[in-house]
Amino acid sequence: MLIPNSINMELQPVMIFGASGLGKVALEIFKSQDILVYCLLDDDKDLHGSEIDEVGILGSTDDDSFIRYVGKKCDAFIALEDPSKRKELIDRLLKKRKAMPVNAVHKAAVVASNAFLGYGNLVNATAVISAGCKVPNHCIINTGAVLEHGVELGDFVQIGANATINANVKIGEGALIGSGSIIAAGIQIGEGAQVAPGSLVLKDVEEGTTVFGSPAQEI
């Protein structure tokens, strides 16, 4: 049985792990929801002591003096660009703090009341997640992407800006859908597959393959 979507982020401060592009996006999203960002952490020591929109970058992502507050006094969001590093940090938080990252859902995004969202997902401005969609954990839905009704994603899926995922599409774990792509209704995208930007996908994509073009072909 599915639980209701968890976009109702707690009004607890959030600590963002990662201060690069994705970290900046997450910061803007939490600000759009009037949620306080306690600080950012990043492994680039040259950034330590600097600020982004008046929020300090205070230390590294493995600094236990900050991690110890996760789940007790603040929530966490993982905003690392590299999926493997994101997984490592998520596993570390689960092991040390028994805490899952919260969702970062922009105020200007549209999420159906009966869509399912797990944990640690980023949904940027003007994205649409329609009725009956399933977005499990740690997915990135970029600006203006549209998930029509009944779409099901695996964990760690990335949907590029302005991509259109039509009804009842299933996308496997770790797949990457490029910006501006269109996936026809009912298509299945395998785990780890990649759809190049601007592609039109009219047939199923095998796991681990890359497709490009209109209509998309394997490359």
N, C-alpha and C. Protein backbone atom coordinates (compact mmCIF):
# COMPACT_ATOMS: atom_id res chain seq x y z
N MET A 1 0.86 -1.20 0.00
CA MET A 1 0.00 0.00 0.00
C MET A 1 0.88 1.24 0.00
N LEU A 2 0.62 2.17 -0.89
CA LEU A 2 1.42 3.39 -1.00
C LEU A 2 1.02 4.38 0.08
N ILE A 3 2.01 5.09 0.61
CA ILE A 3 1.73 6.17 1.53
C ILE A 3 1.50 7.44 0.72
N PRO A 4 0.84 8.44 1.30
CA PRO A 4 0.66 9.70 0.57
C PRO A 4 1.99 10.34 0.23
N ASN A 5 1.97 11.19 -0.80
CA ASN A 5 3.22 11.83 -1.17
C ASN A 5 3.70 12.72 -0.03
N SER A 6 5.04 12.85 0.04
CA SER A 6 5.65 13.53 1.19
C SER A 6 6.26 14.86 0.78
N ILE A 7 5.47 15.68 0.07
CA ILE A 7 5.98 17.00 -0.30
C ILE A 7 5.77 18.00 0.82
N ASN A 8 5.02 17.59 1.85
CA ASN A 8 4.79 18.50 2.97
C ASN A 8 6.02 18.48 3.86
N MET A 9 7.09 19.13 3.39
CA MET A 9 8.35 19.12 4.10
C MET A 9 8.18 19.74 5.48
N GLU A 10 8.82 19.15 6.48
CA GLU A 10 8.76 19.67 7.83
C GLU A 10 9.39 21.07 7.85
N LEU A 11 8.90 21.88 8.78
CA LEU A 11 9.43 23.22 8.90
C LEU A 11 10.69 23.22 9.76
N GLN A 12 11.42 22.13 9.70
CA GLN A 12 12.68 22.00 10.39
C GLN A 12 13.77 22.52 9.46
N PRO A 13 14.82 23.17 9.98
CA PRO A 13 15.89 23.62 9.09
C PRO A 13 16.48 22.47 8.28
N VAL A 14 17.03 22.81 7.13
CA VAL A 14 17.60 21.81 6.23
C VAL A 14 19.08 22.09 6.04
N MET A 15 19.88 21.04 6.02
CA MET A 15 21.29 21.12 5.70
C MET A 15 21.48 20.53 4.31
N ILE A 16 22.07 21.29 3.39
CA ILE A 16 22.25 20.84 2.01
C ILE A 16 23.67 20.33 1.84
N PHE A 17 23.80 19.11 1.38
CA PHE A 17 25.09 18.50 1.11
C PHE A 17 25.40 18.69 -0.37
N GLY A 18 26.33 19.60 -0.66
CA GLY A 18 26.66 19.95 -2.03
C GLY A 18 26.34 21.40 -2.31
N ALA A 19 27.35 22.15 -2.79
CA ALA A 19 27.15 23.58 -3.02
C ALA A 19 27.41 23.97 -4.48
N SER A 20 27.38 22.98 -5.38
CA SER A 20 27.56 23.27 -6.80
C SER A 20 26.21 23.64 -7.40
N GLY A 21 26.03 23.38 -8.71
CA GLY A 21 24.80 23.76 -9.37
C GLY A 21 23.55 23.20 -8.73
N LEU A 22 23.57 21.90 -8.43
CA LEU A 22 22.39 21.27 -7.84
C LEU A 22 22.13 21.79 -6.43
N GLY A 23 23.20 22.09 -5.70
CA GLY A 23 23.03 22.67 -4.37
C GLY A 23 22.37 24.03 -4.42
N LYS A 24 22.76 24.83 -5.40
CA LYS A 24 22.15 26.15 -5.57
C LYS A 24 20.67 26.04 -5.93
N VAL A 25 20.35 25.05 -6.76
CA VAL A 25 18.95 24.81 -7.11
C VAL A 25 18.15 24.43 -5.87
N ALA A 26 18.69 23.50 -5.08
CA ALA A 26 18.00 23.06 -3.86
C ALA A 26 17.80 24.22 -2.90
N LEU A 27 18.81 25.06 -2.76
CA LEU A 27 18.69 26.23 -1.88
C LEU A 27 17.54 27.12 -2.32
N GLU A 28 17.46 27.40 -3.62
CA GLU A 28 16.38 28.25 -4.13
C GLU A 28 15.02 27.60 -3.90
N ILE A 29 14.95 26.26 -4.05
CA ILE A 29 13.69 25.55 -3.85
C ILE A 29 13.23 25.66 -2.39
N PHE A 30 14.13 25.42 -1.44
CA PHE A 30 13.73 25.51 -0.04
C PHE A 30 13.34 26.95 0.33
N LYS A 31 14.03 27.92 -0.24
CA LYS A 31 13.66 29.30 0.02
C LYS A 31 12.26 29.60 -0.53
N SER A 32 11.91 28.98 -1.67
CA SER A 32 10.58 29.20 -2.24
C SER A 32 9.48 28.68 -1.32
N GLN A 33 9.83 27.71 -0.47
CA GLN A 33 8.88 27.15 0.48
C GLN A 33 9.02 27.75 1.88
N ASP A 34 9.85 28.81 1.99
CA ASP A 34 10.09 29.46 3.29
C ASP A 34 10.63 28.49 4.33
N ILE A 35 11.48 27.58 3.87
CA ILE A 35 12.14 26.64 4.77
C ILE A 35 13.57 27.10 4.98
N LEU A 36 13.96 27.22 6.22
CA LEU A 36 15.29 27.72 6.56
C LEU A 36 16.35 26.70 6.18
N VAL A 37 17.36 27.15 5.45
CA VAL A 37 18.54 26.32 5.16
C VAL A 37 19.62 26.69 6.17
N TYR A 38 19.97 25.72 7.00
CA TYR A 38 20.92 25.94 8.08
C TYR A 38 22.31 26.24 7.54
N CYS A 39 22.75 25.43 6.57
CA CYS A 39 24.05 25.65 5.96
C CYS A 39 24.19 24.74 4.75
N LEU A 40 25.26 24.94 3.98
CA LEU A 40 25.66 24.02 2.91
C LEU A 40 26.99 23.40 3.30
N LEU A 41 27.19 22.16 2.84
CA LEU A 41 28.46 21.47 3.03
C LEU A 41 28.98 21.06 1.66
N ASP A 42 30.29 21.15 1.47
CA ASP A 42 30.88 20.77 0.19
C ASP A 42 32.31 20.32 0.42
N ASP A 43 32.77 19.38 -0.41
CA ASP A 43 34.11 18.84 -0.24
C ASP A 43 35.20 19.72 -0.86
N ASP A 44 34.81 20.76 -1.57
CA ASP A 44 35.77 21.71 -2.11
C ASP A 44 36.14 22.70 -1.00
N LYS A 45 37.31 22.53 -0.43
CA LYS A 45 37.71 23.35 0.72
C LYS A 45 37.86 24.82 0.36
N ASP A 46 38.06 25.11 -0.93
CA ASP A 46 38.17 26.51 -1.34
C ASP A 46 36.85 27.25 -1.16
N LEU A 47 35.75 26.51 -1.06
CA LEU A 47 34.45 27.14 -0.88
C LEU A 47 34.12 27.39 0.59
N HIS A 48 34.84 26.72 1.48
CA HIS A 48 34.52 26.84 2.90
C HIS A 48 34.70 28.28 3.38
N GLY A 49 33.72 28.75 4.12
CA GLY A 49 33.74 30.11 4.61
C GLY A 49 33.06 31.11 3.69
N SER A 50 32.70 30.67 2.49
CA SER A 50 31.98 31.56 1.57
C SER A 50 30.47 31.37 1.75
N GLU A 51 29.70 32.13 1.00
CA GLU A 51 28.24 32.08 1.12
C GLU A 51 27.57 32.00 -0.25
N ILE A 52 26.37 31.42 -0.27
CA ILE A 52 25.48 31.46 -1.43
C ILE A 52 24.15 32.02 -0.94
N ASP A 53 23.76 33.15 -1.47
CA ASP A 53 22.52 33.80 -1.04
C ASP A 53 22.44 33.90 0.49
N GLU A 54 23.54 34.31 1.08
CA GLU A 54 23.67 34.56 2.51
C GLU A 54 23.61 33.30 3.37
N VAL A 55 23.74 32.13 2.74
CA VAL A 55 23.82 30.87 3.48
C VAL A 55 25.26 30.38 3.40
N GLY A 56 25.87 30.10 4.54
CA GLY A 56 27.27 29.76 4.59
C GLY A 56 27.58 28.33 4.16
N ILE A 57 28.74 28.16 3.52
CA ILE A 57 29.29 26.83 3.23
C ILE A 57 30.29 26.56 4.34
N LEU A 58 29.90 25.72 5.29
CA LEU A 58 30.61 25.65 6.57
C LEU A 58 31.62 24.53 6.69
N GLY A 59 31.53 23.50 5.84
CA GLY A 59 32.45 22.38 6.00
C GLY A 59 32.27 21.35 4.91
N SER A 60 32.86 20.16 5.15
CA SER A 60 32.81 19.07 4.17
C SER A 60 31.62 18.16 4.43
N THR A 61 31.28 17.37 3.42
CA THR A 61 30.09 16.51 3.53
C THR A 61 30.30 15.33 4.48
N ASP A 62 31.55 15.07 4.89
CA ASP A 62 31.81 13.97 5.82
C ASP A 62 32.13 14.46 7.23
N ASP A 63 31.81 15.71 7.51
CA ASP A 63 32.14 16.32 8.80
C ASP A 63 31.09 15.91 9.84
N ASP A 64 31.48 15.03 10.75
CA ASP A 64 30.54 14.51 11.75
C ASP A 64 30.01 15.58 12.69
N SER A 65 30.75 16.68 12.84
CA SER A 65 30.27 17.74 13.72
C SER A 65 29.00 18.39 13.18
N PHE A 66 28.75 18.25 11.87
CA PHE A 66 27.49 18.71 11.28
C PHE A 66 26.51 17.56 11.12
N ILE A 67 26.99 16.41 10.68
CA ILE A 67 26.12 15.26 10.42
C ILE A 67 25.34 14.85 11.67
N ARG A 68 25.93 15.03 12.83
CA ARG A 68 25.27 14.60 14.07
C ARG A 68 23.95 15.30 14.33
N TYR A 69 23.73 16.45 13.68
CA TYR A 69 22.47 17.18 13.87
C TYR A 69 21.34 16.68 12.97
N VAL A 70 21.70 15.91 11.93
CA VAL A 70 20.69 15.44 10.98
C VAL A 70 19.73 14.48 11.67
N GLY A 71 18.44 14.71 11.49
CA GLY A 71 17.43 13.86 12.11
C GLY A 71 17.06 14.27 13.51
N LYS A 72 17.86 15.13 14.11
CA LYS A 72 17.59 15.59 15.47
C LYS A 72 17.19 17.06 15.47
N LYS A 73 18.05 17.90 14.91
CA LYS A 73 17.77 19.33 14.89
C LYS A 73 17.57 19.89 13.49
N CYS A 74 17.88 19.09 12.47
CA CYS A 74 17.66 19.55 11.11
C CYS A 74 17.49 18.34 10.19
N ASP A 75 16.95 18.60 9.00
CA ASP A 75 16.85 17.60 7.95
C ASP A 75 18.02 17.76 6.99
N ALA A 76 18.14 16.81 6.06
CA ALA A 76 19.23 16.85 5.09
C ALA A 76 18.67 16.73 3.68
N PHE A 77 19.36 17.37 2.74
CA PHE A 77 19.09 17.13 1.33
C PHE A 77 20.42 16.92 0.63
N ILE A 78 20.51 15.87 -0.20
CA ILE A 78 21.75 15.53 -0.89
C ILE A 78 21.70 16.12 -2.29
N ALA A 79 22.62 17.07 -2.56
CA ALA A 79 22.62 17.79 -3.83
C ALA A 79 23.95 17.61 -4.54
N LEU A 80 24.46 16.38 -4.56
CA LEU A 80 25.70 16.09 -5.27
C LEU A 80 25.38 15.69 -6.71
N GLU A 81 26.18 16.16 -7.65
CA GLU A 81 25.92 15.90 -9.06
C GLU A 81 26.19 14.45 -9.44
N ASP A 82 27.23 13.85 -8.86
CA ASP A 82 27.64 12.48 -9.20
C ASP A 82 26.72 11.48 -8.50
N PRO A 83 25.95 10.66 -9.27
CA PRO A 83 25.01 9.72 -8.64
C PRO A 83 25.69 8.75 -7.67
N SER A 84 26.90 8.29 -7.99
CA SER A 84 27.58 7.34 -7.10
C SER A 84 27.93 7.99 -5.77
N LYS A 85 28.35 9.26 -5.82
CA LYS A 85 28.67 9.97 -4.58
C LYS A 85 27.40 10.27 -3.78
N ARG A 86 26.31 10.54 -4.49
CA ARG A 86 25.04 10.75 -3.80
C ARG A 86 24.64 9.48 -3.05
N LYS A 87 24.78 8.33 -3.70
CA LYS A 87 24.42 7.07 -3.05
C LYS A 87 25.29 6.82 -1.84
N GLU A 88 26.59 7.09 -1.95
CA GLU A 88 27.50 6.88 -0.82
C GLU A 88 27.09 7.73 0.38
N LEU A 89 26.76 8.99 0.13
CA LEU A 89 26.40 9.88 1.22
C LEU A 89 25.05 9.51 1.82
N ILE A 90 24.11 9.12 0.99
CA ILE A 90 22.81 8.67 1.50
C ILE A 90 22.98 7.45 2.38
N ASP A 91 23.80 6.49 1.95
CA ASP A 91 24.06 5.30 2.76
C ASP A 91 24.71 5.67 4.09
N ARG A 92 25.61 6.67 4.06
CA ARG A 92 26.28 7.10 5.28
C ARG A 92 25.29 7.72 6.26
N LEU A 93 24.36 8.54 5.74
CA LEU A 93 23.36 9.14 6.61
C LEU A 93 22.44 8.09 7.22
N LEU A 94 22.07 7.10 6.41
CA LEU A 94 21.21 6.03 6.93
C LEU A 94 21.92 5.24 8.02
N LYS A 95 23.20 4.99 7.80
CA LYS A 95 23.97 4.20 8.77
C LYS A 95 24.21 4.97 10.07
N LYS A 96 24.60 6.24 9.94
CA LYS A 96 24.99 7.02 11.11
C LYS A 96 23.80 7.67 11.81
N ARG A 97 22.82 8.13 11.03
CA ARG A 97 21.74 8.92 11.62
C ARG A 97 20.36 8.28 11.47
N LYS A 98 20.27 7.16 10.74
CA LYS A 98 18.97 6.52 10.48
C LYS A 98 17.98 7.53 9.90
N ALA A 99 18.49 8.40 9.01
CA ALA A 99 17.68 9.48 8.46
C ALA A 99 17.72 9.46 6.95
N MET A 100 16.55 9.64 6.34
CA MET A 100 16.44 9.78 4.90
C MET A 100 16.33 11.25 4.54
N PRO A 101 16.96 11.66 3.42
CA PRO A 101 16.84 13.06 2.99
C PRO A 101 15.39 13.44 2.70
N VAL A 102 15.08 14.71 2.91
CA VAL A 102 13.74 15.21 2.61
C VAL A 102 13.63 15.52 1.12
N ASN A 103 12.41 15.74 0.66
CA ASN A 103 12.18 16.19 -0.70
C ASN A 103 12.38 17.70 -0.82
N ALA A 104 12.86 18.11 -1.97
CA ALA A 104 12.95 19.54 -2.30
C ALA A 104 12.01 19.79 -3.46
N VAL A 105 10.84 20.32 -3.18
CA VAL A 105 9.80 20.53 -4.19
C VAL A 105 9.50 22.02 -4.29
N HIS A 106 9.76 22.58 -5.45
CA HIS A 106 9.59 24.02 -5.63
C HIS A 106 8.12 24.42 -5.47
N LYS A 107 7.93 25.59 -4.91
CA LYS A 107 6.57 26.10 -4.72
C LYS A 107 5.81 26.20 -6.03
N ALA A 108 6.54 26.43 -7.14
CA ALA A 108 5.90 26.58 -8.45
C ALA A 108 5.76 25.27 -9.21
N ALA A 109 6.10 24.15 -8.58
CA ALA A 109 5.86 22.84 -9.19
C ALA A 109 4.41 22.42 -8.91
N VAL A 110 3.90 21.50 -9.76
CA VAL A 110 2.55 20.97 -9.58
C VAL A 110 2.65 19.47 -9.34
N VAL A 111 2.20 19.03 -8.18
CA VAL A 111 2.24 17.61 -7.83
C VAL A 111 0.84 17.17 -7.44
N ALA A 112 0.30 16.18 -8.18
CA ALA A 112 -1.05 15.70 -7.90
C ALA A 112 -1.15 15.16 -6.48
N SER A 113 -2.31 15.32 -5.88
CA SER A 113 -2.49 14.89 -4.49
C SER A 113 -2.37 13.38 -4.33
N ASN A 114 -2.61 12.62 -5.40
CA ASN A 114 -2.50 11.16 -5.30
C ASN A 114 -1.26 10.62 -5.99
N ALA A 115 -0.32 11.50 -6.31
CA ALA A 115 0.99 11.03 -6.78
C ALA A 115 1.79 10.56 -5.57
N PHE A 116 2.69 9.61 -5.80
CA PHE A 116 3.53 9.10 -4.72
C PHE A 116 4.94 9.65 -4.86
N LEU A 117 5.43 10.30 -3.80
CA LEU A 117 6.81 10.73 -3.72
C LEU A 117 7.45 10.08 -2.50
N GLY A 118 8.65 9.54 -2.71
CA GLY A 118 9.37 8.93 -1.60
C GLY A 118 10.18 9.97 -0.86
N TYR A 119 11.52 9.80 -0.89
CA TYR A 119 12.41 10.68 -0.14
C TYR A 119 13.55 11.18 -1.03
N GLY A 120 14.03 12.37 -0.70
CA GLY A 120 15.23 12.89 -1.33
C GLY A 120 15.09 13.29 -2.78
N ASN A 121 13.87 13.51 -3.23
CA ASN A 121 13.64 13.92 -4.62
C ASN A 121 13.74 15.43 -4.76
N LEU A 122 14.20 15.88 -5.93
CA LEU A 122 14.22 17.30 -6.27
C LEU A 122 13.24 17.52 -7.42
N VAL A 123 12.29 18.42 -7.22
CA VAL A 123 11.31 18.76 -8.24
C VAL A 123 11.37 20.27 -8.43
N ASN A 124 11.86 20.70 -9.58
CA ASN A 124 12.11 22.13 -9.78
C ASN A 124 10.86 22.86 -10.28
N ALA A 125 10.99 24.17 -10.41
CA ALA A 125 9.86 25.03 -10.75
C ALA A 125 9.21 24.62 -12.07
N THR A 126 7.89 24.71 -12.09
CA THR A 126 6.99 24.45 -13.22
C THR A 126 6.99 22.99 -13.70
N ALA A 127 7.69 22.11 -13.00
CA ALA A 127 7.54 20.68 -13.29
C ALA A 127 6.13 20.23 -12.91
N VAL A 128 5.64 19.20 -13.60
CA VAL A 128 4.29 18.68 -13.34
C VAL A 128 4.39 17.17 -13.11
N ILE A 129 3.88 16.73 -11.97
CA ILE A 129 3.79 15.30 -11.67
C ILE A 129 2.31 14.98 -11.53
N SER A 130 1.77 14.25 -12.49
CA SER A 130 0.32 14.10 -12.62
C SER A 130 -0.22 12.94 -11.77
N ALA A 131 -1.51 12.75 -11.86
CA ALA A 131 -2.22 11.77 -11.05
C ALA A 131 -1.65 10.38 -11.22
N GLY A 132 -1.48 9.68 -10.11
CA GLY A 132 -1.06 8.29 -10.13
C GLY A 132 0.39 8.05 -10.43
N CYS A 133 1.20 9.10 -10.55
CA CYS A 133 2.63 8.92 -10.80
C CYS A 133 3.33 8.37 -9.55
N LYS A 134 4.41 7.65 -9.78
CA LYS A 134 5.21 7.11 -8.68
C LYS A 134 6.65 7.57 -8.87
N VAL A 135 7.10 8.39 -7.94
CA VAL A 135 8.46 8.90 -7.94
C VAL A 135 9.07 8.43 -6.63
N PRO A 136 9.90 7.38 -6.63
CA PRO A 136 10.33 6.79 -5.36
C PRO A 136 11.34 7.65 -4.61
N ASN A 137 12.64 7.38 -4.77
CA ASN A 137 13.63 8.07 -3.96
C ASN A 137 14.76 8.65 -4.81
N HIS A 138 15.21 9.87 -4.45
CA HIS A 138 16.43 10.48 -4.97
C HIS A 138 16.39 10.75 -6.48
N CYS A 139 15.21 11.05 -6.99
CA CYS A 139 15.08 11.42 -8.40
C CYS A 139 15.24 12.93 -8.56
N ILE A 140 15.61 13.35 -9.76
CA ILE A 140 15.74 14.77 -10.08
C ILE A 140 14.81 15.07 -11.25
N ILE A 141 13.81 15.90 -11.00
CA ILE A 141 12.85 16.32 -12.02
C ILE A 141 13.12 17.79 -12.29
N ASN A 142 13.74 18.08 -13.41
CA ASN A 142 14.19 19.44 -13.68
C ASN A 142 13.07 20.36 -14.17
N THR A 143 13.44 21.63 -14.34
CA THR A 143 12.47 22.69 -14.65
C THR A 143 11.59 22.35 -15.84
N GLY A 144 10.27 22.46 -15.65
CA GLY A 144 9.32 22.32 -16.74
C GLY A 144 9.09 20.91 -17.24
N ALA A 145 9.70 19.91 -16.62
CA ALA A 145 9.45 18.52 -17.04
C ALA A 145 8.02 18.13 -16.69
N VAL A 146 7.43 17.28 -17.54
CA VAL A 146 6.03 16.86 -17.34
C VAL A 146 5.97 15.35 -17.26
N LEU A 147 5.42 14.84 -16.18
CA LEU A 147 5.13 13.42 -16.03
C LEU A 147 3.62 13.28 -16.09
N GLU A 148 3.13 12.70 -17.18
CA GLU A 148 1.68 12.51 -17.31
C GLU A 148 1.22 11.36 -16.42
N HIS A 149 -0.08 11.12 -16.38
CA HIS A 149 -0.64 10.21 -15.39
C HIS A 149 -0.08 8.79 -15.52
N GLY A 150 0.13 8.17 -14.39
CA GLY A 150 0.54 6.77 -14.34
C GLY A 150 2.01 6.52 -14.62
N VAL A 151 2.83 7.53 -14.72
CA VAL A 151 4.27 7.33 -14.95
C VAL A 151 4.90 6.75 -13.69
N GLU A 152 5.79 5.78 -13.87
CA GLU A 152 6.49 5.16 -12.75
C GLU A 152 8.00 5.26 -12.97
N LEU A 153 8.71 5.83 -12.00
CA LEU A 153 10.15 5.95 -12.05
C LEU A 153 10.80 4.99 -11.07
N GLY A 154 12.06 4.61 -11.35
CA GLY A 154 12.88 3.93 -10.37
C GLY A 154 13.67 4.95 -9.57
N ASP A 155 14.40 4.50 -8.57
CA ASP A 155 15.25 5.39 -7.79
C ASP A 155 16.34 6.02 -8.68
N PHE A 156 16.77 7.21 -8.29
CA PHE A 156 17.90 7.91 -8.93
C PHE A 156 17.69 8.19 -10.42
N VAL A 157 16.45 8.31 -10.85
CA VAL A 157 16.17 8.72 -12.24
C VAL A 157 16.33 10.23 -12.35
N GLN A 158 16.86 10.70 -13.48
CA GLN A 158 16.96 12.13 -13.75
C GLN A 158 16.16 12.46 -15.01
N ILE A 159 15.27 13.45 -14.89
CA ILE A 159 14.45 13.91 -16.00
C ILE A 159 14.88 15.33 -16.34
N GLY A 160 15.35 15.55 -17.58
CA GLY A 160 15.86 16.85 -17.98
C GLY A 160 14.78 17.90 -18.13
N ALA A 161 15.22 19.15 -18.19
CA ALA A 161 14.30 20.27 -18.31
C ALA A 161 13.41 20.14 -19.54
N ASN A 162 12.12 20.40 -19.36
CA ASN A 162 11.13 20.43 -20.44
C ASN A 162 10.94 19.09 -21.15
N ALA A 163 11.40 18.02 -20.55
CA ALA A 163 11.10 16.69 -21.10
C ALA A 163 9.63 16.37 -20.84
N THR A 164 9.02 15.59 -21.74
CA THR A 164 7.63 15.17 -21.59
C THR A 164 7.59 13.65 -21.53
N ILE A 165 7.14 13.14 -20.40
CA ILE A 165 7.01 11.70 -20.20
C ILE A 165 5.51 11.39 -20.24
N ASN A 166 5.07 10.76 -21.32
CA ASN A 166 3.63 10.56 -21.49
C ASN A 166 3.09 9.42 -20.64
N ALA A 167 1.79 9.22 -20.68
CA ALA A 167 1.08 8.37 -19.72
C ALA A 167 1.63 6.95 -19.68
N ASN A 168 1.72 6.42 -18.45
CA ASN A 168 2.01 5.01 -18.17
C ASN A 168 3.40 4.57 -18.62
N VAL A 169 4.31 5.50 -18.80
CA VAL A 169 5.70 5.16 -19.07
C VAL A 169 6.35 4.64 -17.80
N LYS A 170 7.25 3.65 -17.94
CA LYS A 170 8.02 3.13 -16.82
C LYS A 170 9.51 3.34 -17.11
N ILE A 171 10.19 3.96 -16.16
CA ILE A 171 11.61 4.30 -16.33
C ILE A 171 12.40 3.65 -15.21
N GLY A 172 13.39 2.83 -15.56
CA GLY A 172 14.14 2.05 -14.59
C GLY A 172 15.15 2.87 -13.80
N GLU A 173 15.62 2.28 -12.72
CA GLU A 173 16.54 2.94 -11.80
C GLU A 173 17.78 3.48 -12.52
N GLY A 174 18.14 4.72 -12.16
CA GLY A 174 19.36 5.33 -12.67
C GLY A 174 19.30 5.79 -14.11
N ALA A 175 18.15 5.73 -14.74
CA ALA A 175 18.05 6.18 -16.14
C ALA A 175 18.12 7.70 -16.21
N LEU A 176 18.56 8.18 -17.35
CA LEU A 176 18.70 9.62 -17.58
C LEU A 176 17.92 10.00 -18.83
N ILE A 177 16.97 10.91 -18.68
CA ILE A 177 16.15 11.39 -19.79
C ILE A 177 16.56 12.83 -20.09
N GLY A 178 17.11 13.07 -21.27
CA GLY A 178 17.66 14.37 -21.62
C GLY A 178 16.62 15.45 -21.78
N SER A 179 17.08 16.68 -21.67
CA SER A 179 16.21 17.85 -21.78
C SER A 179 15.47 17.86 -23.12
N GLY A 180 14.18 18.22 -23.06
CA GLY A 180 13.39 18.36 -24.27
C GLY A 180 12.97 17.06 -24.93
N SER A 181 13.30 15.93 -24.33
CA SER A 181 12.91 14.65 -24.92
C SER A 181 11.41 14.41 -24.76
N ILE A 182 10.88 13.59 -25.64
CA ILE A 182 9.48 13.17 -25.55
C ILE A 182 9.45 11.65 -25.55
N ILE A 183 8.83 11.09 -24.52
CA ILE A 183 8.69 9.63 -24.41
C ILE A 183 7.22 9.29 -24.65
N ALA A 184 6.95 8.49 -25.67
CA ALA A 184 5.56 8.15 -26.02
C ALA A 184 4.90 7.32 -24.93
N ALA A 185 3.59 7.35 -24.88
CA ALA A 185 2.83 6.66 -23.85
C ALA A 185 3.12 5.16 -23.85
N GLY A 186 3.24 4.61 -22.65
CA GLY A 186 3.38 3.17 -22.48
C GLY A 186 4.77 2.62 -22.70
N ILE A 187 5.74 3.45 -23.03
CA ILE A 187 7.11 3.00 -23.29
C ILE A 187 7.77 2.57 -21.98
N GLN A 188 8.71 1.62 -22.08
CA GLN A 188 9.51 1.21 -20.94
C GLN A 188 10.98 1.54 -21.22
N ILE A 189 11.59 2.24 -20.27
CA ILE A 189 13.01 2.61 -20.35
C ILE A 189 13.75 1.79 -19.31
N GLY A 190 14.77 1.03 -19.72
CA GLY A 190 15.46 0.12 -18.81
C GLY A 190 16.38 0.83 -17.84
N GLU A 191 16.82 0.10 -16.81
CA GLU A 191 17.73 0.64 -15.81
C GLU A 191 19.02 1.15 -16.46
N GLY A 192 19.46 2.31 -16.01
CA GLY A 192 20.72 2.86 -16.48
C GLY A 192 20.73 3.32 -17.92
N ALA A 193 19.59 3.31 -18.58
CA ALA A 193 19.53 3.77 -19.97
C ALA A 193 19.62 5.29 -20.03
N GLN A 194 20.03 5.80 -21.19
CA GLN A 194 20.11 7.24 -21.40
C GLN A 194 19.40 7.63 -22.69
N VAL A 195 18.58 8.66 -22.58
CA VAL A 195 17.90 9.23 -23.74
C VAL A 195 18.51 10.60 -23.99
N ALA A 196 19.13 10.79 -25.13
CA ALA A 196 19.82 12.03 -25.44
C ALA A 196 18.81 13.19 -25.54
N PRO A 197 19.27 14.41 -25.24
CA PRO A 197 18.38 15.57 -25.31
C PRO A 197 17.70 15.71 -26.67
N GLY A 198 16.41 16.09 -26.61
CA GLY A 198 15.65 16.35 -27.83
C GLY A 198 15.18 15.13 -28.57
N SER A 199 15.33 13.96 -28.01
CA SER A 199 14.95 12.72 -28.71
C SER A 199 13.44 12.46 -28.60
N LEU A 200 12.92 11.72 -29.58
CA LEU A 200 11.53 11.26 -29.57
C LEU A 200 11.57 9.74 -29.47
N VAL A 201 11.13 9.21 -28.34
CA VAL A 201 11.24 7.78 -28.08
C VAL A 201 9.88 7.12 -28.35
N LEU A 202 9.87 6.24 -29.36
CA LEU A 202 8.62 5.59 -29.77
C LEU A 202 8.62 4.09 -29.51
N LYS A 203 9.74 3.55 -29.03
CA LYS A 203 9.79 2.13 -28.70
C LYS A 203 10.62 1.94 -27.44
N ASP A 204 10.48 0.78 -26.81
CA ASP A 204 11.17 0.51 -25.55
C ASP A 204 12.67 0.64 -25.70
N VAL A 205 13.33 1.04 -24.60
CA VAL A 205 14.78 1.21 -24.57
C VAL A 205 15.35 0.20 -23.58
N GLU A 206 16.29 -0.63 -24.07
CA GLU A 206 16.88 -1.66 -23.22
C GLU A 206 17.76 -1.03 -22.14
N GLU A 207 17.92 -1.75 -21.03
CA GLU A 207 18.73 -1.23 -19.94
C GLU A 207 20.18 -1.04 -20.38
N GLY A 208 20.78 0.03 -19.88
CA GLY A 208 22.17 0.31 -20.15
C GLY A 208 22.49 0.85 -21.53
N THR A 209 21.49 1.09 -22.35
CA THR A 209 21.74 1.58 -23.71
C THR A 209 21.49 3.09 -23.79
N THR A 210 22.01 3.70 -24.85
CA THR A 210 21.80 5.12 -25.10
C THR A 210 21.10 5.28 -26.45
N VAL A 211 20.07 6.10 -26.48
CA VAL A 211 19.34 6.33 -27.72
C VAL A 211 19.31 7.81 -28.02
N PHE A 212 19.22 8.11 -29.32
CA PHE A 212 19.24 9.51 -29.78
C PHE A 212 18.46 9.62 -31.08
N GLY A 213 17.81 10.77 -31.28
CA GLY A 213 17.20 11.05 -32.56
C GLY A 213 15.68 11.11 -32.51
N SER A 214 15.09 11.35 -33.68
CA SER A 214 13.66 11.47 -33.82
C SER A 214 13.20 10.74 -35.09
N PRO A 215 12.78 9.48 -34.98
CA PRO A 215 12.64 8.72 -33.74
C PRO A 215 14.00 8.26 -33.20
N ALA A 216 14.04 7.99 -31.91
CA ALA A 216 15.30 7.64 -31.25
C ALA A 216 15.78 6.26 -31.68
N GLN A 217 17.08 6.17 -31.91
CA GLN A 217 17.73 4.90 -32.24
C GLN A 217 18.92 4.70 -31.31
N GLU A 218 19.28 3.44 -31.07
CA GLU A 218 20.40 3.15 -30.20
C GLU A 218 21.70 3.60 -30.85
N ILE A 219 22.60 4.18 -30.02
CA ILE A 219 23.90 4.61 -30.53
C ILE A 219 24.99 3.99 -29.67
